[in-house]
Amino acid sequence: MTIDMDKSTSTALPTGSATLMAYLRVLTAKLVDTVLPAQCVSCFQLTGEPGRLCVDCWNELSFIDHPLCDCMGTPFAFDPGQGILSARALAQPPPWHRTRAAVEFNNMSRKLIHALKYHDRHEVADLLSQTMSRAGKQLLADADLIIPVPLYPLRLWQRRFNQSAALAKNIAENAGIAYHPELLKRRRATRQQVGLKGVARRDNVKGAFAVDDNHADKLYGAKVVLVDDVITTGATVAACSQVLVTAGCSQIDVLAFALVNNPLRLHI
């Protein structure tokens, strides 16, 4: 008996090793989607695509959009006009140029950050970095380098990865910008910033960061985007930025996933 299969139902494998590998990857992805349906990265409800939030969880995020302070990235309740800075930016000008964050810090953004930071949920990094890339589009447009806020080596060993580095790497790859985590290092251990007030946070990270002398030439004259997961009082990114300014960077911008609009809310 001869079975005549038309072209539309043919299951012949493509030829060529590269084409075959691509074909197998597609089949593997479809198999995984069948066995493990896509779930919300927060509440685990079924979703249309893997690595996404369901509608309910997405709506719990408070996205930051214009109008906002160009320097601090904090949203304004109304549009005060182009170039207007917040009272905080005027009273305490930071060592960086511009700040952008994707969302305001709230219960949902905390949950996502903790999933990545403390529970090894690396798939969350893709979602967070995508929202950060959109929020930081203006910063990334003229950046030369992307650098994450570093962890102290012992803390990195204990946690096994740096969540800021995971975000920064994704952003750099998507934007086609050089990623250099080795340029900035944390040279002494600091206690966790959680629960510390503004002055205590600044004292905690004072002198904690340094530029790697072996690579300092890459920083001179460079426009740098410094990446962190969350900005609370700004003490950590300020300490990093000051070191980068001293190293000769021509401009430092700060990009984060979440921004604490009210710095009194420090329990993150």
C-alpha atoms as a PDB file:
ATOM      1  CA  MET A   1       0.000   0.000   0.000  1.00  0.00           C
ATOM      2  CA  THR A   2       1.324   3.448  -0.954  1.00  0.00           C
ATOM      3  CA  ILE A   3       0.499   6.471   1.171  1.00  0.00           C
ATOM      4  CA  ASP A   4       0.552   9.743  -0.741  1.00  0.00           C
ATOM      5  CA  MET A   5       1.113  12.690   1.632  1.00  0.00           C
ATOM      6  CA  ASP A   6       0.629  16.146   0.197  1.00  0.00           C
ATOM      7  CA  LYS A   7       3.095  18.931   0.965  1.00  0.00           C
ATOM      8  CA  SER A   8       0.906  20.544   3.609  1.00  0.00           C
ATOM      9  CA  THR A   9       1.033  17.443   5.824  1.00  0.00           C
ATOM     10  CA  SER A  10       4.606  16.395   5.175  1.00  0.00           C
ATOM     11  CA  THR A  11       6.683  15.878   8.310  1.00  0.00           C
ATOM     12  CA  ALA A  12      10.042  15.494   6.572  1.00  0.00           C
ATOM     13  CA  LEU A  13      12.860  17.033   8.584  1.00  0.00           C
ATOM     14  CA  PRO A  14      14.691  19.991   6.999  1.00  0.00           C
ATOM     15  CA  THR A  15      18.199  19.413   5.760  1.00  0.00           C
ATOM     16  CA  GLY A  16      21.299  21.247   6.936  1.00  0.00           C
ATOM     17  CA  SER A  17      22.627  21.177  10.512  1.00  0.00           C
ATOM     18  CA  ALA A  18      21.736  24.799  11.345  1.00  0.00           C
ATOM     19  CA  THR A  19      18.222  24.465   9.947  1.00  0.00           C
ATOM     20  CA  LEU A  20      17.769  21.150  11.717  1.00  0.00           C
ATOM     21  CA  MET A  21      18.835  22.616  15.072  1.00  0.00           C
ATOM     22  CA  ALA A  22      16.409  25.529  14.642  1.00  0.00           C
ATOM     23  CA  TYR A  23      13.653  23.056  13.799  1.00  0.00           C
ATOM     24  CA  LEU A  24      14.414  20.990  16.908  1.00  0.00           C
ATOM     25  CA  ARG A  25      14.415  24.100  19.112  1.00  0.00           C
ATOM     26  CA  VAL A  26      10.943  25.001  17.849  1.00  0.00           C
ATOM     27  CA  LEU A  27       9.692  21.461  18.500  1.00  0.00           C
ATOM     28  CA  THR A  28      11.243  21.493  21.986  1.00  0.00           C
ATOM     29  CA  ALA A  29       9.611  24.836  22.799  1.00  0.00           C
ATOM     30  CA  LYS A  30       6.228  23.554  21.647  1.00  0.00           C
ATOM     31  CA  LEU A  31       6.648  20.407  23.730  1.00  0.00           C
ATOM     32  CA  VAL A  32       7.542  22.429  26.827  1.00  0.00           C
ATOM     33  CA  ASP A  33       4.551  24.729  26.257  1.00  0.00           C
ATOM     34  CA  THR A  34       2.303  21.675  26.036  1.00  0.00           C
ATOM     35  CA  VAL A  35       3.655  19.960  29.151  1.00  0.00           C
ATOM     36  CA  LEU A  36       4.251  23.163  31.146  1.00  0.00           C
ATOM     37  CA  PRO A  37       1.732  25.823  30.069  1.00  0.00           C
ATOM     38  CA  ALA A  38       2.813  29.469  30.308  1.00  0.00           C
ATOM     39  CA  GLN A  39       2.182  30.964  33.743  1.00  0.00           C
ATOM     40  CA  CYS A  40       2.204  34.441  35.250  1.00  0.00           C
ATOM     41  CA  VAL A  41       5.619  35.001  36.862  1.00  0.00           C
ATOM     42  CA  SER A  42       3.902  36.439  39.927  1.00  0.00           C
ATOM     43  CA  CYS A  43       0.692  34.532  40.715  1.00  0.00           C
ATOM     44  CA  PHE A  44       1.226  31.517  38.369  1.00  0.00           C
ATOM     45  CA  GLN A  45      -2.115  31.856  36.612  1.00  0.00           C
ATOM     46  CA  LEU A  46      -2.090  30.667  33.007  1.00  0.00           C
ATOM     47  CA  THR A  47      -0.998  33.304  30.495  1.00  0.00           C
ATOM     48  CA  GLY A  48      -0.666  33.537  26.732  1.00  0.00           C
ATOM     49  CA  GLU A  49       3.140  33.704  26.799  1.00  0.00           C
ATOM     50  CA  PRO A  50       5.807  32.452  29.206  1.00  0.00           C
ATOM     51  CA  GLY A  51       7.699  34.964  31.322  1.00  0.00           C
ATOM     52  CA  ARG A  52       4.823  37.447  31.473  1.00  0.00           C
ATOM     53  CA  LEU A  53       2.363  38.802  34.026  1.00  0.00           C
ATOM     54  CA  CYS A  54      -1.342  38.123  33.945  1.00  0.00           C
ATOM     55  CA  VAL A  55      -3.641  41.107  33.441  1.00  0.00           C
ATOM     56  CA  ASP A  56      -4.436  41.411  37.149  1.00  0.00           C
ATOM     57  CA  CYS A  57      -0.801  41.456  38.258  1.00  0.00           C
ATOM     58  CA  TRP A  58       0.182  43.790  35.407  1.00  0.00           C
ATOM     59  CA  ASN A  59      -2.461  46.266  36.538  1.00  0.00           C
ATOM     60  CA  GLU A  60      -1.002  46.246  40.046  1.00  0.00           C
ATOM     61  CA  LEU A  61       2.231  47.799  38.753  1.00  0.00           C
ATOM     62  CA  SER A  62       2.392  51.593  38.850  1.00  0.00           C
ATOM     63  CA  PHE A  63       4.302  52.569  35.713  1.00  0.00           C
ATOM     64  CA  ILE A  64       6.214  55.844  35.692  1.00  0.00           C
ATOM     65  CA  ASP A  65       5.605  58.092  32.724  1.00  0.00           C
ATOM     66  CA  HIS A  66       5.856  61.764  31.921  1.00  0.00           C
ATOM     67  CA  PRO A  67       5.609  64.262  33.484  1.00  0.00           C
ATOM     68  CA  LEU A  68       8.569  63.486  35.716  1.00  0.00           C
ATOM     69  CA  CYS A  69      11.701  65.067  37.129  1.00  0.00           C
ATOM     70  CA  ASP A  70      14.387  64.573  34.491  1.00  0.00           C
ATOM     71  CA  CYS A  71      17.081  64.313  37.152  1.00  0.00           C
ATOM     72  CA  MET A  72      15.507  62.146  39.864  1.00  0.00           C
ATOM     73  CA  GLY A  73      12.950  60.308  37.721  1.00  0.00           C
ATOM     74  CA  THR A  74      10.156  60.941  40.228  1.00  0.00           C
ATOM     75  CA  PRO A  75       6.712  61.499  38.677  1.00  0.00           C
ATOM     76  CA  PHE A  76       4.922  64.841  38.970  1.00  0.00           C
ATOM     77  CA  ALA A  77       1.237  65.020  39.845  1.00  0.00           C
ATOM     78  CA  PHE A  78       0.837  67.584  37.049  1.00  0.00           C
ATOM     79  CA  ASP A  79       2.990  68.893  34.205  1.00  0.00           C
ATOM     80  CA  PRO A  80       5.027  71.852  35.540  1.00  0.00           C
ATOM     81  CA  GLY A  81       6.629  72.494  32.156  1.00  0.00           C
ATOM     82  CA  GLN A  82       9.700  71.323  30.297  1.00  0.00           C
ATOM     83  CA  GLY A  83      12.960  71.207  32.226  1.00  0.00           C
ATOM     84  CA  ILE A  84      11.436  71.684  35.676  1.00  0.00           C
ATOM     85  CA  LEU A  85      13.232  69.722  38.379  1.00  0.00           C
ATOM     86  CA  SER A  86      11.837  68.368  41.626  1.00  0.00           C
ATOM     87  CA  ALA A  87      12.516  70.108  44.924  1.00  0.00           C
ATOM     88  CA  ARG A  88      14.769  67.231  45.951  1.00  0.00           C
ATOM     89  CA  ALA A  89      16.902  67.528  42.819  1.00  0.00           C
ATOM     90  CA  LEU A  90      17.327  71.256  43.421  1.00  0.00           C
ATOM     91  CA  ALA A  91      18.065  70.916  47.140  1.00  0.00           C
ATOM     92  CA  GLN A  92      20.465  67.957  46.819  1.00  0.00           C
ATOM     93  CA  PRO A  93      21.796  67.698  43.250  1.00  0.00           C
ATOM     94  CA  PRO A  94      23.035  64.121  42.729  1.00  0.00           C
ATOM     95  CA  PRO A  95      26.334  63.183  41.043  1.00  0.00           C
ATOM     96  CA  TRP A  96      24.452  61.623  38.120  1.00  0.00           C
ATOM     97  CA  HIS A  97      22.675  63.320  35.223  1.00  0.00           C
ATOM     98  CA  ARG A  98      19.319  61.559  34.753  1.00  0.00           C
ATOM     99  CA  THR A  99      17.314  58.825  36.442  1.00  0.00           C
ATOM    100  CA  ARG A 100      14.678  56.586  34.925  1.00  0.00           C
ATOM    101  CA  ALA A 101      12.717  53.756  36.519  1.00  0.00           C
ATOM    102  CA  ALA A 102      10.038  51.570  35.006  1.00  0.00           C
ATOM    103  CA  VAL A 103       7.649  51.513  37.969  1.00  0.00           C
ATOM    104  CA  GLU A 104       7.038  52.961  41.393  1.00  0.00           C
ATOM    105  CA  PHE A 105       7.917  50.684  44.273  1.00  0.00           C
ATOM    106  CA  ASN A 106       4.816  48.932  45.618  1.00  0.00           C
ATOM    107  CA  ASN A 107       3.746  45.463  46.742  1.00  0.00           C
ATOM    108  CA  MET A 108       3.797  44.015  43.220  1.00  0.00           C
ATOM    109  CA  SER A 109       7.180  45.450  42.214  1.00  0.00           C
ATOM    110  CA  ARG A 110       8.597  44.277  45.560  1.00  0.00           C
ATOM    111  CA  LYS A 111       7.298  40.769  44.876  1.00  0.00           C
ATOM    112  CA  LEU A 112       8.977  40.678  41.459  1.00  0.00           C
ATOM    113  CA  ILE A 113      12.269  42.041  42.766  1.00  0.00           C
ATOM    114  CA  HIS A 114      12.335  39.533  45.617  1.00  0.00           C
ATOM    115  CA  ALA A 115      11.504  36.682  43.231  1.00  0.00           C
ATOM    116  CA  LEU A 116      14.630  37.516  41.238  1.00  0.00           C
ATOM    117  CA  LYS A 117      16.851  38.603  44.105  1.00  0.00           C
ATOM    118  CA  TYR A 118      16.175  35.969  46.745  1.00  0.00           C
ATOM    119  CA  HIS A 119      14.423  33.066  45.026  1.00  0.00           C
ATOM    120  CA  ASP A 120      16.547  32.521  41.882  1.00  0.00           C
ATOM    121  CA  ARG A 121      13.618  33.260  39.563  1.00  0.00           C
ATOM    122  CA  HIS A 122      15.846  34.199  36.645  1.00  0.00           C
ATOM    123  CA  GLU A 123      12.943  34.291  34.193  1.00  0.00           C
ATOM    124  CA  VAL A 124      11.752  37.414  36.001  1.00  0.00           C
ATOM    125  CA  ALA A 125      14.894  39.254  34.835  1.00  0.00           C
ATOM    126  CA  ASP A 126      13.674  39.143  31.229  1.00  0.00           C
ATOM    127  CA  LEU A 127      10.378  40.829  32.129  1.00  0.00           C
ATOM    128  CA  LEU A 128      11.975  43.461  34.353  1.00  0.00           C
ATOM    129  CA  SER A 129      14.730  44.308  31.877  1.00  0.00           C
ATOM    130  CA  GLN A 130      12.202  44.762  29.067  1.00  0.00           C
ATOM    131  CA  THR A 131      10.211  47.307  31.074  1.00  0.00           C
ATOM    132  CA  MET A 132      13.454  49.040  32.060  1.00  0.00           C
ATOM    133  CA  SER A 133      14.579  49.268  28.440  1.00  0.00           C
ATOM    134  CA  ARG A 134      11.356  51.037  27.538  1.00  0.00           C
ATOM    135  CA  ALA A 135      11.615  53.422  30.483  1.00  0.00           C
ATOM    136  CA  GLY A 136      15.287  54.149  29.768  1.00  0.00           C
ATOM    137  CA  LYS A 137      15.057  54.480  25.994  1.00  0.00           C
ATOM    138  CA  GLN A 138      16.316  58.076  26.098  1.00  0.00           C
ATOM    139  CA  LEU A 139      19.243  57.151  28.348  1.00  0.00           C
ATOM    140  CA  LEU A 140      20.262  54.161  26.261  1.00  0.00           C
ATOM    141  CA  ALA A 141      20.175  56.120  23.003  1.00  0.00           C
ATOM    142  CA  ASP A 142      23.482  57.882  23.700  1.00  0.00           C
ATOM    143  CA  ALA A 143      25.153  55.475  26.159  1.00  0.00           C
ATOM    144  CA  ASP A 144      28.624  54.020  25.611  1.00  0.00           C
ATOM    145  CA  LEU A 145      28.684  51.554  28.498  1.00  0.00           C
ATOM    146  CA  ILE A 146      26.266  49.759  30.795  1.00  0.00           C
ATOM    147  CA  ILE A 147      27.508  48.913  34.292  1.00  0.00           C
ATOM    148  CA  PRO A 148      25.584  47.189  37.103  1.00  0.00           C
ATOM    149  CA  VAL A 149      25.819  48.122  40.775  1.00  0.00           C
ATOM    150  CA  PRO A 150      28.256  45.445  42.016  1.00  0.00           C
ATOM    151  CA  LEU A 151      27.970  43.048  44.934  1.00  0.00           C
ATOM    152  CA  TYR A 152      30.758  42.336  47.391  1.00  0.00           C
ATOM    153  CA  PRO A 153      32.476  39.053  46.356  1.00  0.00           C
ATOM    154  CA  LEU A 154      31.355  37.172  49.477  1.00  0.00           C
ATOM    155  CA  ARG A 155      27.752  38.323  49.005  1.00  0.00           C
ATOM    156  CA  LEU A 156      27.942  37.343  45.339  1.00  0.00           C
ATOM    157  CA  TRP A 157      29.191  33.884  46.316  1.00  0.00           C
ATOM    158  CA  GLN A 158      26.394  33.490  48.866  1.00  0.00           C
ATOM    159  CA  ARG A 159      23.667  34.650  46.487  1.00  0.00           C
ATOM    160  CA  ARG A 160      25.283  33.004  43.413  1.00  0.00           C
ATOM    161  CA  PHE A 161      24.370  35.893  41.102  1.00  0.00           C
ATOM    162  CA  ASN A 162      23.986  39.669  41.038  1.00  0.00           C
ATOM    163  CA  GLN A 163      20.415  40.646  40.188  1.00  0.00           C
ATOM    164  CA  SER A 164      21.506  44.083  38.940  1.00  0.00           C
ATOM    165  CA  ALA A 165      24.059  42.428  36.656  1.00  0.00           C
ATOM    166  CA  ALA A 166      21.396  40.077  35.265  1.00  0.00           C
ATOM    167  CA  LEU A 167      19.199  43.068  34.413  1.00  0.00           C
ATOM    168  CA  ALA A 168      22.085  45.120  33.013  1.00  0.00           C
ATOM    169  CA  LYS A 169      23.287  42.287  30.777  1.00  0.00           C
ATOM    170  CA  ASN A 170      19.829  41.812  29.248  1.00  0.00           C
ATOM    171  CA  ILE A 171      19.433  45.541  28.651  1.00  0.00           C
ATOM    172  CA  ALA A 172      22.892  45.840  27.087  1.00  0.00           C
ATOM    173  CA  GLU A 173      22.324  42.890  24.753  1.00  0.00           C
ATOM    174  CA  ASN A 174      18.936  44.179  23.617  1.00  0.00           C
ATOM    175  CA  ALA A 175      20.265  47.699  23.042  1.00  0.00           C
ATOM    176  CA  GLY A 176      23.574  46.663  21.476  1.00  0.00           C
ATOM    177  CA  ILE A 177      25.599  48.571  24.077  1.00  0.00           C
ATOM    178  CA  ALA A 178      28.872  47.425  25.644  1.00  0.00           C
ATOM    179  CA  TYR A 179      28.349  45.659  28.973  1.00  0.00           C
ATOM    180  CA  HIS A 180      31.238  45.921  31.453  1.00  0.00           C
ATOM    181  CA  PRO A 181      30.480  44.592  34.954  1.00  0.00           C
ATOM    182  CA  GLU A 182      34.185  44.405  35.732  1.00  0.00           C
ATOM    183  CA  LEU A 183      34.740  48.169  35.679  1.00  0.00           C
ATOM    184  CA  LEU A 184      33.135  48.871  39.046  1.00  0.00           C
ATOM    185  CA  LYS A 185      33.701  46.802  42.158  1.00  0.00           C
ATOM    186  CA  ARG A 186      32.533  46.802  45.761  1.00  0.00           C
ATOM    187  CA  ARG A 187      35.729  46.790  47.767  1.00  0.00           C
ATOM    188  CA  ARG A 188      34.297  46.296  51.238  1.00  0.00           C
ATOM    189  CA  ALA A 189      31.337  44.481  52.699  1.00  0.00           C
ATOM    190  CA  THR A 190      28.391  46.626  53.733  1.00  0.00           C
ATOM    191  CA  ARG A 191      25.355  45.739  55.777  1.00  0.00           C
ATOM    192  CA  GLN A 192      22.076  45.478  53.910  1.00  0.00           C
ATOM    193  CA  GLN A 193      20.378  48.827  53.368  1.00  0.00           C
ATOM    194  CA  VAL A 194      16.954  47.483  54.350  1.00  0.00           C
ATOM    195  CA  GLY A 195      15.628  49.357  57.369  1.00  0.00           C
ATOM    196  CA  LEU A 196      18.354  52.029  57.343  1.00  0.00           C
ATOM    197  CA  LYS A 197      17.415  55.701  57.138  1.00  0.00           C
ATOM    198  CA  GLY A 198      18.869  58.160  54.639  1.00  0.00           C
ATOM    199  CA  VAL A 199      22.003  59.271  56.529  1.00  0.00           C
ATOM    200  CA  ALA A 200      22.724  55.731  57.703  1.00  0.00           C
ATOM    201  CA  ARG A 201      22.423  54.480  54.134  1.00  0.00           C
ATOM    202  CA  ARG A 202      24.929  57.052  52.888  1.00  0.00           C
ATOM    203  CA  ASP A 203      27.362  56.198  55.688  1.00  0.00           C
ATOM    204  CA  ASN A 204      26.934  52.488  55.003  1.00  0.00           C
ATOM    205  CA  VAL A 205      28.102  52.727  51.381  1.00  0.00           C
ATOM    206  CA  LYS A 206      30.606  55.563  51.791  1.00  0.00           C
ATOM    207  CA  GLY A 207      33.893  54.450  50.262  1.00  0.00           C
ATOM    208  CA  ALA A 208      32.481  51.019  49.426  1.00  0.00           C
ATOM    209  CA  PHE A 209      32.980  51.244  45.653  1.00  0.00           C
ATOM    210  CA  ALA A 210      36.017  51.632  43.447  1.00  0.00           C
ATOM    211  CA  VAL A 211      37.013  51.462  39.792  1.00  0.00           C
ATOM    212  CA  ASP A 212      39.146  48.556  38.665  1.00  0.00           C
ATOM    213  CA  ASP A 213      42.475  50.196  37.832  1.00  0.00           C
ATOM    214  CA  ASN A 214      43.173  47.621  35.137  1.00  0.00           C
ATOM    215  CA  HIS A 215      40.197  48.862  33.111  1.00  0.00           C
ATOM    216  CA  ALA A 216      39.946  52.521  34.141  1.00  0.00           C
ATOM    217  CA  ASP A 217      40.854  53.747  30.643  1.00  0.00           C
ATOM    218  CA  LYS A 218      37.491  52.492  29.339  1.00  0.00           C
ATOM    219  CA  LEU A 219      35.660  54.958  31.565  1.00  0.00           C
ATOM    220  CA  TYR A 220      37.427  58.182  30.630  1.00  0.00           C
ATOM    221  CA  GLY A 221      35.030  60.346  28.615  1.00  0.00           C
ATOM    222  CA  ALA A 222      32.386  57.592  28.490  1.00  0.00           C
ATOM    223  CA  LYS A 223      28.641  58.021  28.873  1.00  0.00           C
ATOM    224  CA  VAL A 224      27.583  55.367  31.338  1.00  0.00           C
ATOM    225  CA  VAL A 225      24.215  53.925  32.299  1.00  0.00           C
ATOM    226  CA  LEU A 226      24.384  52.553  35.837  1.00  0.00           C
ATOM    227  CA  VAL A 227      21.813  49.800  36.479  1.00  0.00           C
ATOM    228  CA  ASP A 228      20.225  48.775  39.784  1.00  0.00           C
ATOM    229  CA  ASP A 229      17.063  46.872  40.647  1.00  0.00           C
ATOM    230  CA  VAL A 230      15.513  49.481  42.954  1.00  0.00           C
ATOM    231  CA  ILE A 231      16.355  53.043  44.007  1.00  0.00           C
ATOM    232  CA  THR A 232      15.274  54.008  47.508  1.00  0.00           C
ATOM    233  CA  THR A 233      17.135  57.053  48.818  1.00  0.00           C
ATOM    234  CA  GLY A 234      19.698  56.899  46.012  1.00  0.00           C
ATOM    235  CA  ALA A 235      22.612  56.417  48.430  1.00  0.00           C
ATOM    236  CA  THR A 236      24.036  53.374  46.636  1.00  0.00           C
ATOM    237  CA  VAL A 237      23.831  54.762  43.095  1.00  0.00           C
ATOM    238  CA  ALA A 238      25.205  58.085  44.376  1.00  0.00           C
ATOM    239  CA  ALA A 239      28.272  56.362  45.840  1.00  0.00           C
ATOM    240  CA  CYS A 240      28.798  54.461  42.581  1.00  0.00           C
ATOM    241  CA  SER A 241      28.241  57.558  40.451  1.00  0.00           C
ATOM    242  CA  GLN A 242      30.743  59.624  42.435  1.00  0.00           C
ATOM    243  CA  VAL A 243      33.425  57.016  41.806  1.00  0.00           C
ATOM    244  CA  LEU A 244      32.603  57.000  38.088  1.00  0.00           C
ATOM    245  CA  VAL A 245      32.756  60.803  37.940  1.00  0.00           C
ATOM    246  CA  THR A 246      36.181  60.731  39.574  1.00  0.00           C
ATOM    247  CA  ALA A 247      37.283  58.146  37.002  1.00  0.00           C
ATOM    248  CA  GLY A 248      36.510  60.629  34.217  1.00  0.00           C
ATOM    249  CA  CYS A 249      33.106  59.564  32.904  1.00  0.00           C
ATOM    250  CA  SER A 250      31.536  62.396  30.945  1.00  0.00           C
ATOM    251  CA  GLN A 251      27.988  61.474  31.953  1.00  0.00           C
ATOM    252  CA  ILE A 252      26.305  59.013  34.310  1.00  0.00           C
ATOM    253  CA  ASP A 253      22.634  58.102  34.017  1.00  0.00           C
ATOM    254  CA  VAL A 254      20.838  55.726  36.374  1.00  0.00           C
ATOM    255  CA  LEU A 255      18.309  53.114  35.291  1.00  0.00           C
ATOM    256  CA  ALA A 256      16.288  50.961  37.700  1.00  0.00           C
ATOM    257  CA  PHE A 257      13.230  48.768  37.670  1.00  0.00           C
ATOM    258  CA  ALA A 258      11.553  50.361  40.682  1.00  0.00           C
ATOM    259  CA  LEU A 259      11.779  53.761  42.344  1.00  0.00           C
ATOM    260  CA  VAL A 260      10.662  54.512  45.877  1.00  0.00           C
ATOM    261  CA  ASN A 261       8.743  57.725  45.398  1.00  0.00           C
ATOM    262  CA  ASN A 262       8.532  58.227  49.147  1.00  0.00           C
ATOM    263  CA  PRO A 263      12.010  57.506  50.630  1.00  0.00           C
ATOM    264  CA  LEU A 264      10.430  57.012  54.064  1.00  0.00           C
ATOM    265  CA  ARG A 265       9.212  53.619  52.775  1.00  0.00           C
ATOM    266  CA  LEU A 266      12.471  51.786  53.313  1.00  0.00           C
ATOM    267  CA  HIS A 267      11.300  48.261  54.138  1.00  0.00           C
ATOM    268  CA  ILE A 268      12.161  46.680  50.785  1.00  0.00           C
END
